[in-house]
Amino acid sequence: MKYLIVLIMLSLPVSSSGTGHEIIIYVDDAYKPYSYQSNGRAEGIYIDVLRAAFAKMQNFKVKLLPVPWKRGKQLMKLGKGVGLTPAFFHGHDWPYLYPYSLPFYTETIIVVCTERVLQQPRPNWPQDYKDLVIGNVAGFDGWGGQEFRELVERGEIIYREVGNPRALIGMLAKKRHDCIMMETRAFDYHLSKIQASKDTITNLYSKLKKGTLIGNDPVYIGYSETAIKSGQYPQSYAFRKAFDAIIYQMLKSGEVERIMDAFKD
């Protein structure tokens, strides 16, 4: 009888109390509003979505550790942890980050310009933006696409980078850039924060206009190929499979969108 009880207990799923397999996922510590750190803790829209998904995965204890993005990439190269997020697909140029989860969101990249620039219709990216100064946040140069990079190399577009989104929007408002590239939900978030500041000259920002679509970038958890091949995380396959199944259901049911819409920092 005692042996039967033991067998039954061993067959039960591990609870969500933190006794399951430990999985370490590194997250960008400076990508507001999606992923950032506050008092050492991971926060953000994507973090809320991921925590909701992980709460349904009772066999795993998932740690979300915020790190600078470059540090996260290095940790993936070294196999120190299972995954890194929010990652765009880089299977073609980051050999250490593969495979990827199902995408849990798709970012919409747009061009935002001064009112003067968009007085002339500019529906075609990047051809309609020649001879303009285009700004972007450092580290997101892939957003513009191959044709955009070729125009920059030929000097037909002037391209400049700044350190963070609020500085980028400020440069546009002050007309130091003609246009900027931004993710549309992130632009709305940062613009609302700027306009809410008592030090903001509101009319400077009211004349910024959203322009054409640049592209769409699905967002994933990218997994460390180095870690997988080392065999130090034998539970990673089960984790990847479980996450994909759960995030698929959350997307299908609209739960992901509801979580994102409810976000408040």
Protein backbone atom coordinates (compact mmCIF):
# COMPACT_ATOMS: atom_id res chain seq x y z
CA MET A 1 0.00 0.00 0.00
CA LYS A 2 2.85 2.39 0.85
CA TYR A 3 4.46 1.72 -2.51
CA LEU A 4 1.17 2.46 -4.29
CA ILE A 5 0.88 5.83 -2.49
CA VAL A 6 4.45 6.71 -3.46
CA LEU A 7 3.80 5.85 -7.11
CA ILE A 8 0.64 7.98 -7.16
CA MET A 9 2.50 10.95 -5.65
CA LEU A 10 5.31 10.67 -8.19
CA SER A 11 2.81 10.69 -11.04
CA LEU A 12 1.20 13.98 -9.96
CA PRO A 13 2.22 17.19 -11.82
CA VAL A 14 4.65 19.48 -10.07
CA SER A 15 2.86 22.45 -8.54
CA SER A 16 3.46 26.09 -9.39
CA SER A 17 5.08 26.69 -6.02
CA GLY A 18 8.54 26.69 -7.56
CA THR A 19 9.51 23.04 -7.24
CA GLY A 20 9.66 22.33 -10.98
CA HIS A 21 12.54 22.41 -13.44
CA GLU A 22 14.30 25.78 -13.30
CA ILE A 23 14.44 27.65 -16.59
CA ILE A 24 16.37 30.91 -16.94
CA ILE A 25 15.13 33.37 -19.57
CA TYR A 26 17.05 36.64 -19.96
CA VAL A 27 15.04 39.73 -20.91
CA ASP A 28 16.00 43.14 -22.26
CA ASP A 29 16.36 45.57 -19.36
CA ALA A 30 15.77 48.76 -21.40
CA TYR A 31 13.04 48.28 -24.01
CA LYS A 32 10.09 50.20 -22.59
CA PRO A 33 7.20 49.59 -22.54
CA TYR A 34 7.75 46.00 -23.57
CA SER A 35 10.61 44.77 -21.42
CA TYR A 36 12.63 46.62 -18.80
CA GLN A 37 13.87 46.40 -15.23
CA SER A 38 12.49 48.23 -12.23
CA ASN A 39 14.30 47.78 -8.91
CA GLY A 40 16.01 44.71 -10.31
CA ARG A 41 12.76 43.04 -11.38
CA ALA A 42 11.65 42.38 -14.96
CA GLU A 43 8.63 44.47 -15.93
CA GLY A 44 6.77 45.42 -19.10
CA ILE A 45 4.02 44.42 -21.51
CA TYR A 46 5.83 41.33 -22.78
CA ILE A 47 6.77 40.37 -19.25
CA ASP A 48 3.11 40.37 -18.21
CA VAL A 49 2.28 38.11 -21.16
CA LEU A 50 5.13 35.73 -20.41
CA ARG A 51 4.35 35.51 -16.70
CA ALA A 52 0.74 34.64 -17.54
CA ALA A 53 1.97 31.87 -19.86
CA PHE A 54 4.52 30.52 -17.40
CA ALA A 55 1.91 30.42 -14.64
CA LYS A 56 0.13 27.77 -16.71
CA MET A 57 3.31 25.66 -17.02
CA GLN A 58 3.28 23.95 -13.65
CA ASN A 59 6.24 21.67 -14.32
CA PHE A 60 8.63 24.59 -14.67
CA LYS A 61 9.99 27.33 -12.45
CA VAL A 62 10.87 30.16 -14.82
CA LYS A 63 13.19 32.98 -13.84
CA LEU A 64 13.04 36.18 -15.91
CA LEU A 65 16.33 37.99 -15.43
CA PRO A 66 16.71 41.53 -16.85
CA VAL A 67 20.09 42.23 -18.48
CA PRO A 68 21.50 44.71 -21.01
CA TRP A 69 20.73 43.39 -24.48
CA LYS A 70 24.35 42.93 -25.53
CA ARG A 71 25.01 41.01 -22.32
CA GLY A 72 22.03 38.79 -23.04
CA LYS A 73 23.38 37.93 -26.47
CA GLN A 74 26.75 37.06 -24.96
CA LEU A 75 25.08 34.80 -22.38
CA MET A 76 23.32 32.96 -25.22
CA LYS A 77 26.63 32.48 -27.02
CA LEU A 78 28.09 30.99 -23.83
CA GLY A 79 25.05 28.80 -23.15
CA LYS A 80 24.40 30.45 -19.78
CA GLY A 81 20.62 30.17 -19.68
CA VAL A 82 17.91 28.75 -21.88
CA GLY A 83 16.56 31.76 -23.76
CA LEU A 84 16.54 35.47 -24.56
CA THR A 85 13.57 37.72 -25.24
CA PRO A 86 12.16 39.85 -26.81
CA ALA A 87 14.04 38.59 -29.86
CA PHE A 88 13.39 39.16 -33.53
CA PHE A 89 14.34 36.32 -35.87
CA HIS A 90 18.10 36.18 -36.42
CA GLY A 91 18.55 32.58 -37.56
CA HIS A 92 20.43 33.89 -40.60
CA ASP A 93 23.06 35.91 -38.72
CA TRP A 94 23.08 34.86 -35.03
CA PRO A 95 23.99 31.16 -35.21
CA TYR A 96 24.02 30.80 -31.42
CA LEU A 97 20.33 31.77 -31.07
CA TYR A 98 18.19 28.93 -32.43
CA PRO A 99 15.48 27.63 -32.41
CA TYR A 100 12.73 30.13 -31.66
CA SER A 101 9.38 29.93 -29.90
CA LEU A 102 6.11 30.68 -31.60
CA PRO A 103 5.85 34.48 -31.90
CA PHE A 104 3.80 35.96 -29.07
CA TYR A 105 3.34 39.38 -30.70
CA THR A 106 4.12 41.16 -33.96
CA GLU A 107 5.59 44.64 -33.73
CA THR A 108 4.46 47.18 -36.31
CA ILE A 109 7.28 49.48 -37.41
CA ILE A 110 6.24 52.83 -38.87
CA VAL A 111 7.82 56.09 -39.90
CA VAL A 112 6.91 59.20 -37.89
CA CYS A 113 7.68 62.59 -39.41
CA THR A 114 7.26 66.29 -38.92
CA GLU A 115 4.07 67.77 -40.30
CA ARG A 116 6.03 69.61 -42.98
CA VAL A 117 7.63 66.44 -44.35
CA LEU A 118 4.30 64.65 -44.70
CA GLN A 119 2.63 67.54 -46.52
CA GLN A 120 3.95 65.67 -49.54
CA PRO A 121 2.48 62.13 -49.81
CA ARG A 122 5.16 59.53 -49.02
CA PRO A 123 3.51 56.09 -49.15
CA ASN A 124 6.55 54.14 -50.39
CA TRP A 125 9.32 53.19 -47.94
CA PRO A 126 12.18 53.95 -48.37
CA GLN A 127 12.11 55.45 -51.89
CA ASP A 128 9.91 58.41 -50.90
CA TYR A 129 12.29 59.31 -48.05
CA LYS A 130 15.41 60.13 -50.06
CA ASP A 131 17.28 63.31 -49.13
CA LEU A 132 15.82 63.25 -45.61
CA VAL A 133 17.40 62.80 -42.19
CA ILE A 134 16.04 59.59 -40.62
CA GLY A 135 16.54 58.87 -36.93
CA ASN A 136 16.37 55.63 -34.99
CA VAL A 137 17.23 54.14 -31.61
CA ALA A 138 20.68 52.56 -31.57
CA GLY A 139 20.58 48.80 -32.00
CA PHE A 140 17.48 48.69 -34.21
CA ASP A 141 19.12 49.39 -37.58
CA GLY A 142 17.58 46.24 -39.06
CA TRP A 143 14.16 47.89 -39.03
CA GLY A 144 14.79 49.90 -42.19
CA GLY A 145 15.42 46.92 -44.45
CA GLN A 146 18.08 46.15 -47.05
CA GLU A 147 17.01 48.80 -49.56
CA PHE A 148 17.08 51.45 -46.84
CA ARG A 149 20.62 50.45 -45.83
CA GLU A 150 21.76 50.67 -49.45
CA LEU A 151 20.33 54.19 -49.77
CA VAL A 152 22.17 55.18 -46.58
CA GLU A 153 25.43 53.74 -47.89
CA ARG A 154 25.05 55.72 -51.12
CA GLY A 155 24.36 58.91 -49.17
CA GLU A 156 20.81 59.26 -50.50
CA ILE A 157 19.41 59.13 -46.96
CA ILE A 158 21.12 60.53 -43.87
CA TYR A 159 20.78 58.07 -40.99
CA ARG A 160 21.36 58.96 -37.31
CA GLU A 161 20.99 56.99 -34.09
CA VAL A 162 20.28 58.10 -30.53
CA GLY A 163 20.31 56.25 -27.25
CA ASN A 164 16.65 55.95 -26.31
CA PRO A 165 13.10 56.51 -27.66
CA ARG A 166 12.32 59.67 -25.68
CA ALA A 167 15.47 61.36 -26.97
CA LEU A 168 14.58 60.23 -30.49
CA ILE A 169 11.09 61.74 -30.32
CA GLY A 170 12.55 64.92 -28.84
CA MET A 171 14.99 65.25 -31.74
CA LEU A 172 12.11 64.92 -34.19
CA ALA A 173 9.99 67.51 -32.34
CA LYS A 174 12.92 69.92 -32.48
CA LYS A 175 13.27 69.22 -36.23
CA ARG A 176 16.77 67.82 -35.95
CA HIS A 177 15.40 64.79 -37.80
CA ASP A 178 12.90 64.79 -40.63
CA CYS A 179 11.50 61.41 -39.67
CA ILE A 180 12.13 58.58 -37.22
CA MET A 181 11.50 54.84 -37.21
CA MET A 182 9.50 53.51 -34.26
CA GLU A 183 7.22 50.66 -33.24
CA THR A 184 3.71 52.12 -33.21
CA ARG A 185 2.59 51.04 -29.72
CA ALA A 186 5.94 52.08 -28.25
CA PHE A 187 5.67 55.49 -29.96
CA ASP A 188 2.22 56.06 -28.46
CA TYR A 189 3.51 55.05 -25.02
CA HIS A 190 6.57 57.32 -25.05
CA LEU A 191 4.72 60.27 -26.61
CA SER A 192 2.03 60.08 -23.91
CA LYS A 193 4.73 60.11 -21.21
CA ILE A 194 6.44 63.11 -22.78
CA GLN A 195 3.19 65.05 -23.15
CA ALA A 196 2.23 64.30 -19.56
CA SER A 197 5.44 65.91 -18.29
CA LYS A 198 4.97 69.39 -16.88
CA ASP A 199 8.16 70.51 -18.63
CA THR A 200 6.90 69.60 -22.10
CA ILE A 201 6.06 72.26 -24.66
CA THR A 202 3.00 70.40 -25.94
CA ASN A 203 2.59 72.14 -29.30
CA LEU A 204 6.04 70.89 -30.39
CA TYR A 205 4.81 67.31 -30.21
CA SER A 206 1.31 67.82 -31.55
CA LYS A 207 2.72 68.31 -35.04
CA LEU A 208 4.35 64.89 -35.26
CA LYS A 209 2.56 62.66 -37.74
CA LYS A 210 2.56 58.91 -38.28
CA GLY A 211 3.51 57.96 -41.81
CA THR A 212 3.73 54.76 -43.78
CA LEU A 213 4.35 51.20 -42.64
CA ILE A 214 8.00 50.13 -42.72
CA GLY A 215 7.48 46.52 -41.76
CA ASN A 216 6.29 43.95 -39.23
CA ASP A 217 8.57 42.05 -36.87
CA PRO A 218 7.31 38.99 -34.98
CA VAL A 219 8.66 38.69 -31.42
CA TYR A 220 9.96 35.42 -30.01
CA ILE A 221 11.87 33.76 -27.24
CA GLY A 222 15.15 32.83 -28.89
CA TYR A 223 16.85 29.75 -27.42
CA SER A 224 20.56 29.25 -26.86
CA GLU A 225 21.78 26.64 -29.32
CA THR A 226 24.99 26.45 -27.29
CA ALA A 227 23.05 25.51 -24.15
CA ILE A 228 20.88 22.98 -25.98
CA LYS A 229 23.87 21.23 -27.57
CA SER A 230 25.73 21.12 -24.25
CA GLY A 231 22.99 19.00 -22.71
CA GLN A 232 22.99 21.04 -19.49
CA TYR A 233 19.28 21.82 -19.87
CA PRO A 234 17.69 18.45 -20.73
CA GLN A 235 14.27 19.87 -19.87
CA SER A 236 14.50 22.63 -22.50
CA TYR A 237 12.71 20.63 -25.20
CA ALA A 238 9.74 19.97 -22.92
CA PHE A 239 9.71 23.64 -21.95
CA ARG A 240 9.74 24.83 -25.57
CA LYS A 241 6.94 22.48 -26.51
CA ALA A 242 4.80 23.45 -23.51
CA PHE A 243 5.33 27.19 -24.06
CA ASP A 244 4.35 27.01 -27.73
CA ALA A 245 1.16 25.10 -26.93
CA ILE A 246 0.14 27.60 -24.24
CA ILE A 247 1.02 30.79 -26.10
CA TYR A 248 -0.87 29.50 -29.14
CA GLN A 249 -4.02 29.12 -27.03
CA MET A 250 -3.49 32.52 -25.40
CA LEU A 251 -3.20 34.18 -28.81
CA LYS A 252 -6.18 32.34 -30.21
CA SER A 253 -8.40 33.24 -27.25
CA GLY A 254 -7.39 36.92 -27.29
CA GLU A 255 -5.78 36.66 -23.86
CA VAL A 256 -2.46 38.09 -25.07
CA GLU A 257 -4.13 41.19 -26.49
CA ARG A 258 -6.19 41.67 -23.33
CA ILE A 259 -3.06 41.51 -21.18
CA MET A 260 -1.28 44.01 -23.39
CA ASP A 261 -4.21 46.43 -23.41
CA ALA A 262 -4.44 46.26 -19.61
CA PHE A 263 -0.78 47.14 -19.03
CA LYS A 264 -0.02 50.06 -16.73
CA ASP A 265 3.42 50.99 -15.43
